C-alpha atoms as a PDB file:
ATOM      1  CA  MET A   1     -42.520   5.615  48.284  1.00  0.00           C
ATOM      2  CA  GLN A   2     -41.066   9.012  49.233  1.00  0.00           C
ATOM      3  CA  PRO A   3     -41.771  11.975  46.915  1.00  0.00           C
ATOM      4  CA  MET A   4     -38.053  12.469  46.208  1.00  0.00           C
ATOM      5  CA  THR A   5     -37.691   8.828  45.147  1.00  0.00           C
ATOM      6  CA  THR A   6     -40.732   9.088  42.900  1.00  0.00           C
ATOM      7  CA  ILE A   7     -39.453  12.254  41.233  1.00  0.00           C
ATOM      8  CA  LEU A   8     -36.040  10.645  40.795  1.00  0.00           C
ATOM      9  CA  ILE A   9     -37.472   7.567  39.084  1.00  0.00           C
ATOM     10  CA  ILE A  10     -39.628   9.698  36.803  1.00  0.00           C
ATOM     11  CA  GLY A  11     -36.680  11.940  36.002  1.00  0.00           C
ATOM     12  CA  LEU A  12     -34.528   8.961  35.029  1.00  0.00           C
ATOM     13  CA  LEU A  13     -37.232   7.490  32.774  1.00  0.00           C
ATOM     14  CA  ILE A  14     -38.367  10.687  31.026  1.00  0.00           C
ATOM     15  CA  PRO A  15     -35.455  10.735  28.515  1.00  0.00           C
ATOM     16  CA  LEU A  16     -36.066   7.087  27.590  1.00  0.00           C
ATOM     17  CA  LEU A  17     -39.756   7.817  27.013  1.00  0.00           C
ATOM     18  CA  GLY A  18     -38.763  10.645  24.682  1.00  0.00           C
ATOM     19  CA  THR A  19     -36.652   8.243  22.613  1.00  0.00           C
ATOM     20  CA  MET A  20     -39.520   5.729  22.474  1.00  0.00           C
ATOM     21  CA  LEU A  21     -41.961   8.411  21.351  1.00  0.00           C
ATOM     22  CA  GLY A  22     -39.636   9.492  18.563  1.00  0.00           C
ATOM     23  CA  SER A  23     -39.011   5.893  17.500  1.00  0.00           C
ATOM     24  CA  ALA A  24     -42.793   5.391  17.233  1.00  0.00           C
ATOM     25  CA  PHE A  25     -42.840   7.849  14.312  1.00  0.00           C
ATOM     26  CA  VAL A  26     -41.972   4.842  12.173  1.00  0.00           C
ATOM     27  CA  PHE A  27     -45.584   3.657  12.531  1.00  0.00           C
ATOM     28  CA  PHE A  28     -47.139   6.929  11.373  1.00  0.00           C
ATOM     29  CA  MET A  29     -44.791   8.415   8.775  1.00  0.00           C
ATOM     30  CA  LYS A  30     -43.696   7.374   5.317  1.00  0.00           C
ATOM     31  CA  ASP A  31     -40.766   5.054   4.959  1.00  0.00           C
ATOM     32  CA  GLU A  32     -38.382   7.955   4.372  1.00  0.00           C
ATOM     33  CA  MET A  33     -38.140  11.200   6.334  1.00  0.00           C
ATOM     34  CA  SER A  34     -38.004  14.384   4.278  1.00  0.00           C
ATOM     35  CA  GLU A  35     -34.655  16.163   4.227  1.00  0.00           C
ATOM     36  CA  ARG A  36     -36.214  19.400   5.491  1.00  0.00           C
ATOM     37  CA  LEU A  37     -37.726  17.662   8.512  1.00  0.00           C
ATOM     38  CA  GLN A  38     -34.516  15.797   9.296  1.00  0.00           C
ATOM     39  CA  LYS A  39     -32.479  19.020   9.131  1.00  0.00           C
ATOM     40  CA  THR A  40     -34.969  20.773  11.411  1.00  0.00           C
ATOM     41  CA  LEU A  41     -34.918  17.955  13.949  1.00  0.00           C
ATOM     42  CA  LEU A  42     -31.118  17.765  13.966  1.00  0.00           C
ATOM     43  CA  GLY A  43     -30.887  21.512  14.520  1.00  0.00           C
ATOM     44  CA  PHE A  44     -33.509  21.349  17.266  1.00  0.00           C
ATOM     45  CA  ALA A  45     -31.636  18.567  19.067  1.00  0.00           C
ATOM     46  CA  SER A  46     -28.397  20.561  18.800  1.00  0.00           C
ATOM     47  CA  GLY A  47     -30.015  23.672  20.286  1.00  0.00           C
ATOM     48  CA  VAL A  48     -31.440  21.775  23.253  1.00  0.00           C
ATOM     49  CA  MET A  49     -28.129  20.086  24.042  1.00  0.00           C
ATOM     50  CA  VAL A  50     -26.093  23.308  23.773  1.00  0.00           C
ATOM     51  CA  ALA A  51     -28.480  25.221  26.061  1.00  0.00           C
ATOM     52  CA  ALA A  52     -28.600  22.349  28.575  1.00  0.00           C
ATOM     53  CA  SER A  53     -24.803  22.155  28.601  1.00  0.00           C
ATOM     54  CA  VAL A  54     -24.439  25.871  29.318  1.00  0.00           C
ATOM     55  CA  TRP A  55     -27.280  26.658  31.744  1.00  0.00           C
ATOM     56  CA  SER A  56     -27.667  23.304  33.501  1.00  0.00           C
ATOM     57  CA  LEU A  57     -24.078  22.070  33.626  1.00  0.00           C
ATOM     58  CA  LEU A  58     -21.309  24.607  32.962  1.00  0.00           C
ATOM     59  CA  ILE A  59     -22.787  27.577  34.830  1.00  0.00           C
ATOM     60  CA  PRO A  60     -23.576  25.499  37.979  1.00  0.00           C
ATOM     61  CA  ALA A  61     -20.070  23.994  37.775  1.00  0.00           C
ATOM     62  CA  MET A  62     -18.512  27.477  37.768  1.00  0.00           C
ATOM     63  CA  GLU A  63     -20.803  28.710  40.533  1.00  0.00           C
ATOM     64  CA  MET A  64     -19.867  25.747  42.744  1.00  0.00           C
ATOM     65  CA  GLY A  65     -16.171  26.358  42.072  1.00  0.00           C
ATOM     66  CA  ALA A  66     -16.490  30.037  42.912  1.00  0.00           C
ATOM     67  CA  SER A  67     -18.364  29.423  46.173  1.00  0.00           C
ATOM     68  CA  SER A  68     -15.391  27.496  47.578  1.00  0.00           C
ATOM     69  CA  GLN A  69     -12.876  30.323  47.093  1.00  0.00           C
ATOM     70  CA  PRO A  70     -12.310  32.986  49.795  1.00  0.00           C
ATOM     71  CA  SER A  71     -11.164  35.951  47.667  1.00  0.00           C
ATOM     72  CA  SER A  72     -12.401  37.588  44.503  1.00  0.00           C
ATOM     73  CA  VAL A  73      -9.259  36.589  42.588  1.00  0.00           C
ATOM     74  CA  GLY A  74      -9.435  33.054  43.917  1.00  0.00           C
ATOM     75  CA  GLU A  75     -13.149  32.956  43.202  1.00  0.00           C
ATOM     76  CA  ALA A  76     -12.670  33.889  39.563  1.00  0.00           C
ATOM     77  CA  PHE A  77      -9.811  31.424  39.066  1.00  0.00           C
ATOM     78  CA  GLY A  78     -11.397  28.634  41.108  1.00  0.00           C
ATOM     79  CA  SER A  79     -14.695  28.888  39.281  1.00  0.00           C
ATOM     80  CA  VAL A  80     -13.191  28.354  35.861  1.00  0.00           C
ATOM     81  CA  VAL A  81     -10.627  25.619  36.589  1.00  0.00           C
ATOM     82  CA  PRO A  82     -13.080  22.767  37.430  1.00  0.00           C
ATOM     83  CA  ALA A  83     -15.310  23.765  34.515  1.00  0.00           C
ATOM     84  CA  ALA A  84     -12.406  23.942  32.059  1.00  0.00           C
ATOM     85  CA  VAL A  85     -10.751  20.709  33.193  1.00  0.00           C
ATOM     86  CA  GLY A  86     -14.006  18.763  33.358  1.00  0.00           C
ATOM     87  CA  PHE A  87     -15.112  20.074  29.966  1.00  0.00           C
ATOM     88  CA  LEU A  88     -11.875  19.001  28.270  1.00  0.00           C
ATOM     89  CA  LEU A  89     -11.988  15.586  29.945  1.00  0.00           C
ATOM     90  CA  GLY A  90     -15.558  15.076  28.697  1.00  0.00           C
ATOM     91  CA  MET A  91     -14.537  16.012  25.164  1.00  0.00           C
ATOM     92  CA  GLY A  92     -11.501  13.723  25.354  1.00  0.00           C
ATOM     93  CA  PHE A  93     -13.511  10.807  26.735  1.00  0.00           C
ATOM     94  CA  LEU A  94     -16.018  10.881  23.854  1.00  0.00           C
ATOM     95  CA  LEU A  95     -13.200  11.360  21.344  1.00  0.00           C
ATOM     96  CA  MET A  96     -11.486   8.241  22.685  1.00  0.00           C
ATOM     97  CA  ILE A  97     -14.691   6.184  22.487  1.00  0.00           C
ATOM     98  CA  ASP A  98     -15.325   7.524  18.990  1.00  0.00           C
ATOM     99  CA  GLU A  99     -11.873   6.431  17.849  1.00  0.00           C
ATOM    100  CA  LEU A 100     -11.975   2.982  19.456  1.00  0.00           C
ATOM    101  CA  THR A 101     -15.539   1.960  18.532  1.00  0.00           C
ATOM    102  CA  PRO A 102     -16.676   1.034  15.002  1.00  0.00           C
ATOM    103  CA  HIS A 103     -19.841   3.005  14.258  1.00  0.00           C
ATOM    104  CA  LEU A 104     -21.784   5.027  11.703  1.00  0.00           C
ATOM    105  CA  HIS A 105     -22.342   8.736  11.984  1.00  0.00           C
ATOM    106  CA  ILE A 106     -26.028   9.648  12.087  1.00  0.00           C
ATOM    107  CA  GLY A 107     -27.370  10.220   8.589  1.00  0.00           C
ATOM    108  CA  THR A 108     -24.358   8.707   6.792  1.00  0.00           C
ATOM    109  CA  ASP A 109     -23.309   5.305   5.466  1.00  0.00           C
ATOM    110  CA  LYS A 110     -19.569   5.767   6.002  1.00  0.00           C
ATOM    111  CA  PRO A 111     -18.150   3.690   8.876  1.00  0.00           C
ATOM    112  CA  GLU A 112     -15.950   5.400  11.465  1.00  0.00           C
ATOM    113  CA  GLY A 113     -13.444   4.002  13.941  1.00  0.00           C
ATOM    114  CA  PRO A 114     -11.527   0.716  13.579  1.00  0.00           C
ATOM    115  CA  ARG A 115     -12.465  -1.761  10.873  1.00  0.00           C
ATOM    116  CA  SER A 116     -15.171  -4.188  11.851  1.00  0.00           C
ATOM    117  CA  ARG A 117     -17.396  -6.906  10.422  1.00  0.00           C
ATOM    118  CA  LEU A 118     -20.370  -5.579  12.316  1.00  0.00           C
ATOM    119  CA  SER A 119     -23.531  -4.991  10.305  1.00  0.00           C
ATOM    120  CA  ARG A 120     -24.724  -1.491   9.438  1.00  0.00           C
ATOM    121  CA  THR A 121     -27.510  -1.870  12.021  1.00  0.00           C
ATOM    122  CA  ALA A 122     -25.038  -2.823  14.761  1.00  0.00           C
ATOM    123  CA  MET A 123     -22.711   0.068  13.931  1.00  0.00           C
ATOM    124  CA  LEU A 124     -25.629   2.495  13.910  1.00  0.00           C
ATOM    125  CA  ALA A 125     -26.716   1.170  17.319  1.00  0.00           C
ATOM    126  CA  LEU A 126     -23.177   1.739  18.632  1.00  0.00           C
ATOM    127  CA  ALA A 127     -23.234   5.287  17.317  1.00  0.00           C
ATOM    128  CA  VAL A 128     -26.477   5.994  19.159  1.00  0.00           C
ATOM    129  CA  THR A 129     -25.090   4.447  22.340  1.00  0.00           C
ATOM    130  CA  ILE A 130     -22.099   6.801  22.129  1.00  0.00           C
ATOM    131  CA  HIS A 131     -24.527   9.655  21.511  1.00  0.00           C
ATOM    132  CA  ASN A 132     -26.822   8.886  24.452  1.00  0.00           C
ATOM    133  CA  LEU A 133     -24.202   8.058  27.092  1.00  0.00           C
ATOM    134  CA  PRO A 134     -23.328  11.667  27.985  1.00  0.00           C
ATOM    135  CA  GLU A 135     -27.009  12.584  28.140  1.00  0.00           C
ATOM    136  CA  GLY A 136     -27.647   9.875  30.724  1.00  0.00           C
ATOM    137  CA  MET A 137     -24.597  10.983  32.677  1.00  0.00           C
ATOM    138  CA  ALA A 138     -25.864  14.573  32.617  1.00  0.00           C
ATOM    139  CA  VAL A 139     -29.215  13.522  34.102  1.00  0.00           C
ATOM    140  CA  GLY A 140     -27.498  11.504  36.830  1.00  0.00           C
ATOM    141  CA  VAL A 141     -25.104  14.336  37.685  1.00  0.00           C
ATOM    142  CA  VAL A 142     -27.777  17.032  37.997  1.00  0.00           C
ATOM    143  CA  PHE A 143     -30.011  14.807  40.147  1.00  0.00           C
ATOM    144  CA  ALA A 144     -27.019  13.926  42.325  1.00  0.00           C
ATOM    145  CA  GLY A 145     -26.275  17.632  42.686  1.00  0.00           C
ATOM    146  CA  ALA A 146     -29.892  18.474  43.528  1.00  0.00           C
ATOM    147  CA  ASP A 147     -30.102  15.661  46.087  1.00  0.00           C
ATOM    148  CA  SER A 148     -26.842  16.633  47.764  1.00  0.00           C
ATOM    149  CA  GLY A 149     -27.976  20.155  48.600  1.00  0.00           C
ATOM    150  CA  ILE A 150     -24.420  21.465  48.136  1.00  0.00           C
ATOM    151  CA  SER A 151     -24.865  22.617  44.547  1.00  0.00           C
ATOM    152  CA  ASN A 152     -26.812  25.442  42.980  1.00  0.00           C
ATOM    153  CA  ILE A 153     -29.053  22.954  41.184  1.00  0.00           C
ATOM    154  CA  SER A 154     -32.654  22.651  42.385  1.00  0.00           C
ATOM    155  CA  LEU A 155     -34.774  19.535  42.033  1.00  0.00           C
ATOM    156  CA  ALA A 156     -36.987  21.399  39.573  1.00  0.00           C
ATOM    157  CA  GLY A 157     -33.864  22.337  37.620  1.00  0.00           C
ATOM    158  CA  ALA A 158     -32.807  18.684  37.464  1.00  0.00           C
ATOM    159  CA  VAL A 159     -36.259  17.724  36.189  1.00  0.00           C
ATOM    160  CA  ALA A 160     -35.949  20.493  33.576  1.00  0.00           C
ATOM    161  CA  VAL A 161     -32.706  18.921  32.320  1.00  0.00           C
ATOM    162  CA  ALA A 162     -34.360  15.496  32.075  1.00  0.00           C
ATOM    163  CA  LEU A 163     -37.349  17.009  30.294  1.00  0.00           C
ATOM    164  CA  GLY A 164     -35.145  18.955  27.893  1.00  0.00           C
ATOM    165  CA  ILE A 165     -33.147  15.845  27.006  1.00  0.00           C
ATOM    166  CA  ALA A 166     -36.407  13.920  26.538  1.00  0.00           C
ATOM    167  CA  ILE A 167     -37.633  16.586  24.104  1.00  0.00           C
ATOM    168  CA  GLN A 168     -34.321  16.340  22.288  1.00  0.00           C
ATOM    169  CA  ASN A 169     -34.660  12.539  22.205  1.00  0.00           C
ATOM    170  CA  VAL A 170     -37.958  12.676  20.307  1.00  0.00           C
ATOM    171  CA  PRO A 171     -36.397  13.780  17.007  1.00  0.00           C
ATOM    172  CA  GLU A 172     -33.353  11.638  17.745  1.00  0.00           C
ATOM    173  CA  GLY A 173     -35.508   8.515  18.049  1.00  0.00           C
ATOM    174  CA  ALA A 174     -37.200   9.338  14.755  1.00  0.00           C
ATOM    175  CA  ILE A 175     -33.875  10.021  13.028  1.00  0.00           C
ATOM    176  CA  ILE A 176     -32.673   6.559  14.081  1.00  0.00           C
ATOM    177  CA  SER A 177     -35.803   4.441  13.490  1.00  0.00           C
ATOM    178  CA  MET A 178     -36.840   5.904  10.139  1.00  0.00           C
ATOM    179  CA  PRO A 179     -33.579   5.117   8.264  1.00  0.00           C
ATOM    180  CA  MET A 180     -33.621   1.623   9.754  1.00  0.00           C
ATOM    181  CA  ARG A 181     -37.079   1.106   8.294  1.00  0.00           C
ATOM    182  CA  THR A 182     -35.865   2.443   4.935  1.00  0.00           C
ATOM    183  CA  ALA A 183     -32.969  -0.045   5.074  1.00  0.00           C
ATOM    184  CA  GLY A 184     -35.467  -2.930   5.058  1.00  0.00           C
ATOM    185  CA  ASN A 185     -36.140  -3.637   8.722  1.00  0.00           C
ATOM    186  CA  SER A 186     -39.709  -4.148   9.885  1.00  0.00           C
ATOM    187  CA  LYS A 187     -41.540  -1.319  11.628  1.00  0.00           C
ATOM    188  CA  TRP A 188     -41.493  -3.150  14.960  1.00  0.00           C
ATOM    189  CA  LYS A 189     -37.781  -3.969  14.699  1.00  0.00           C
ATOM    190  CA  SER A 190     -36.998  -0.361  13.756  1.00  0.00           C
ATOM    191  CA  PHE A 191     -39.080   0.860  16.694  1.00  0.00           C
ATOM    192  CA  ALA A 192     -37.475  -1.615  19.107  1.00  0.00           C
ATOM    193  CA  ILE A 193     -33.888  -0.777  18.151  1.00  0.00           C
ATOM    194  CA  GLY A 194     -34.653   2.940  18.130  1.00  0.00           C
ATOM    195  CA  SER A 195     -36.187   2.655  21.608  1.00  0.00           C
ATOM    196  CA  LEU A 196     -33.393   0.485  22.991  1.00  0.00           C
ATOM    197  CA  SER A 197     -30.891   3.058  21.812  1.00  0.00           C
ATOM    198  CA  GLY A 198     -32.144   5.232  24.661  1.00  0.00           C
ATOM    199  CA  ALA A 199     -31.764   2.517  27.301  1.00  0.00           C
ATOM    200  CA  VAL A 200     -28.161   3.532  27.951  1.00  0.00           C
ATOM    201  CA  GLU A 201     -29.373   6.869  29.354  1.00  0.00           C
ATOM    202  CA  PRO A 202     -31.071   5.593  32.549  1.00  0.00           C
ATOM    203  CA  VAL A 203     -28.225   3.080  32.943  1.00  0.00           C
ATOM    204  CA  GLY A 204     -25.662   5.886  32.805  1.00  0.00           C
ATOM    205  CA  ALA A 205     -27.731   8.044  35.137  1.00  0.00           C
ATOM    206  CA  VAL A 206     -28.119   5.265  37.717  1.00  0.00           C
ATOM    207  CA  ALA A 207     -24.383   4.484  37.578  1.00  0.00           C
ATOM    208  CA  VAL A 208     -23.596   8.122  38.398  1.00  0.00           C
ATOM    209  CA  LEU A 209     -26.142   8.181  41.228  1.00  0.00           C
ATOM    210  CA  LEU A 210     -24.755   4.993  42.756  1.00  0.00           C
ATOM    211  CA  LEU A 211     -21.331   6.634  42.856  1.00  0.00           C
ATOM    212  CA  ALA A 212     -22.751   9.963  44.052  1.00  0.00           C
ATOM    213  CA  SER A 213     -21.164   9.815  47.504  1.00  0.00           C
ATOM    214  CA  LEU A 214     -17.746   9.381  45.905  1.00  0.00           C
ATOM    215  CA  LEU A 215     -18.380  12.014  43.250  1.00  0.00           C
ATOM    216  CA  MET A 216     -19.566  14.840  45.513  1.00  0.00           C
ATOM    217  CA  PRO A 217     -16.062  16.299  46.053  1.00  0.00           C
ATOM    218  CA  VAL A 218     -15.589  16.502  42.281  1.00  0.00           C
ATOM    219  CA  LEU A 219     -19.174  17.410  41.343  1.00  0.00           C
ATOM    220  CA  PRO A 220     -18.149  20.629  39.496  1.00  0.00           C
ATOM    221  CA  TYR A 221     -15.781  18.551  37.361  1.00  0.00           C
ATOM    222  CA  MET A 222     -18.525  15.975  36.686  1.00  0.00           C
ATOM    223  CA  LEU A 223     -21.018  18.646  35.634  1.00  0.00           C
ATOM    224  CA  ALA A 224     -18.496  20.097  33.192  1.00  0.00           C
ATOM    225  CA  PHE A 225     -17.481  16.597  32.055  1.00  0.00           C
ATOM    226  CA  ALA A 226     -21.089  15.870  31.055  1.00  0.00           C
ATOM    227  CA  ALA A 227     -21.258  19.227  29.260  1.00  0.00           C
ATOM    228  CA  GLY A 228     -18.084  18.486  27.303  1.00  0.00           C
ATOM    229  CA  ALA A 229     -19.317  15.038  26.317  1.00  0.00           C
ATOM    230  CA  MET A 230     -22.698  16.395  25.178  1.00  0.00           C
ATOM    231  CA  LEU A 231     -21.141  19.208  23.161  1.00  0.00           C
ATOM    232  CA  TYR A 232     -18.759  16.735  21.532  1.00  0.00           C
ATOM    233  CA  VAL A 233     -21.794  14.919  20.164  1.00  0.00           C
ATOM    234  CA  VAL A 234     -23.249  18.203  18.903  1.00  0.00           C
ATOM    235  CA  VAL A 235     -20.031  19.275  17.153  1.00  0.00           C
ATOM    236  CA  GLU A 236     -19.047  15.844  15.841  1.00  0.00           C
ATOM    237  CA  GLU A 237     -22.417  14.345  14.920  1.00  0.00           C
ATOM    238  CA  LEU A 238     -25.357  16.710  14.804  1.00  0.00           C
ATOM    239  CA  ILE A 239     -24.137  20.021  13.382  1.00  0.00           C
ATOM    240  CA  PRO A 240     -22.095  18.551  10.469  1.00  0.00           C
ATOM    241  CA  GLU A 241     -25.069  16.481   9.344  1.00  0.00           C
ATOM    242  CA  ALA A 242     -27.523  19.341   9.874  1.00  0.00           C
ATOM    243  CA  SER A 243     -25.435  21.854   7.903  1.00  0.00           C
ATOM    244  CA  SER A 244     -24.449  19.625   4.975  1.00  0.00           C
ATOM    245  CA  GLY A 245     -26.219  19.722   1.630  1.00  0.00           C
ATOM    246  CA  GLN A 246     -29.392  21.688   1.019  1.00  0.00           C
ATOM    247  CA  HIS A 247     -31.928  23.158   3.435  1.00  0.00           C
ATOM    248  CA  SER A 248     -29.373  23.931   6.146  1.00  0.00           C
ATOM    249  CA  ASN A 249     -31.458  27.003   6.997  1.00  0.00           C
ATOM    250  CA  PHE A 250     -34.073  24.653   8.436  1.00  0.00           C
ATOM    251  CA  SER A 251     -31.475  23.300  10.881  1.00  0.00           C
ATOM    252  CA  THR A 252     -30.637  26.864  11.908  1.00  0.00           C
ATOM    253  CA  ILE A 253     -34.292  27.556  12.674  1.00  0.00           C
ATOM    254  CA  GLY A 254     -34.550  24.270  14.578  1.00  0.00           C
ATOM    255  CA  PHE A 255     -31.424  25.125  16.585  1.00  0.00           C
ATOM    256  CA  ALA A 256     -32.859  28.511  17.593  1.00  0.00           C
ATOM    257  CA  ILE A 257     -36.147  26.964  18.722  1.00  0.00           C
ATOM    258  CA  GLY A 258     -34.446  24.169  20.665  1.00  0.00           C
ATOM    259  CA  PHE A 259     -31.963  26.509  22.336  1.00  0.00           C
ATOM    260  CA  VAL A 260     -34.620  28.987  23.456  1.00  0.00           C
ATOM    261  CA  LEU A 261     -36.956  26.230  24.663  1.00  0.00           C
ATOM    262  CA  MET A 262     -34.271  24.614  26.834  1.00  0.00           C
ATOM    263  CA  MET A 263     -33.077  27.997  28.111  1.00  0.00           C
ATOM    264  CA  VAL A 264     -36.611  28.946  29.168  1.00  0.00           C
ATOM    265  CA  LEU A 265     -37.185  25.541  30.796  1.00  0.00           C
ATOM    266  CA  ASP A 266     -33.988  25.800  32.811  1.00  0.00           C
ATOM    267  CA  VAL A 267     -34.513  29.386  33.942  1.00  0.00           C
ATOM    268  CA  VAL A 268     -38.216  28.972  34.791  1.00  0.00           C
ATOM    269  CA  MET A 269     -37.865  25.598  36.548  1.00  0.00           C
ATOM    270  CA  GLY A 270     -34.384  26.158  37.973  1.00  0.00           C
END
C-alpha cells in the first residue's frame, strides 16, 4: 500500500475514532454528565470547528481564488467571491436539511422540523447525522485539495483538520451517548448509537473524494461550502446550548481552548 493511500485511510478514520472514544465515556462516567462539563465540552467543540473553518477552509478558499486572478483588483475580488458564495451555499444547505428533517437539538427534548412519529432516540440520531455530515465533507475536501497539488493545503494540513475534528468528536460522542444512557438505554446500546453517529463522516469524506476529479474546478467553493455548513452547526446547535442557563462561562473557556488548539495544529502542521 502506498504511503499516500495509508495516510488517506487513517485521515478518514481518525474522526470516527474520536466519536467512538467519546461515546465510550458512558462506561466510565456516572449516568448523567455534570452541567459544567457539558458546557465546557460544547464550548470546546465550537472553538475547534470555528478555527478549522477559518484556517483550514475559508483562508485556503480565498487564497486559491486570488491565485487565479491576474491583477490586484481582480485578485481581491476573485478571492472573496468563491469563499462568499460557497459559504452561503453551505449555510443554506444545512438550513434546508434542518427544516426538512425531524430531529432533536443536542441537549434539548424539543423536536424540530416537520412532525414525525419517530422515537426520541431516532430523532437524536438524525440530529447527530446532520451535525456530522459537514465535518466529513470538510475532511474529504481538504484531502482532495492536498492530493490535487493545486491548492494551498498540504497533506500535513489535511491530517491536522482530521485530527482537529476527531478531538472535537470526543466531547460530541460523550454528549450524545450519556443522555441516551440517562434515558434508559443500556451502556452498550448508548455506546453503539453514539459511535454510529460518527459513521456518516467517513461516508461523506469518501463521497467527496470519489467526485474529486469533478470538483477540482470548484474546489474553492467546496472548501467554503464545508466551512459554512460547519459554522451553521456551531451557531444553530452548539453555541445556543452552551450559552443557555448557568455556567456559560465554562463554555467560553472551552471555546478559547478549542479554538487555540485547532489554530496551533493547523499552523504548525499546515
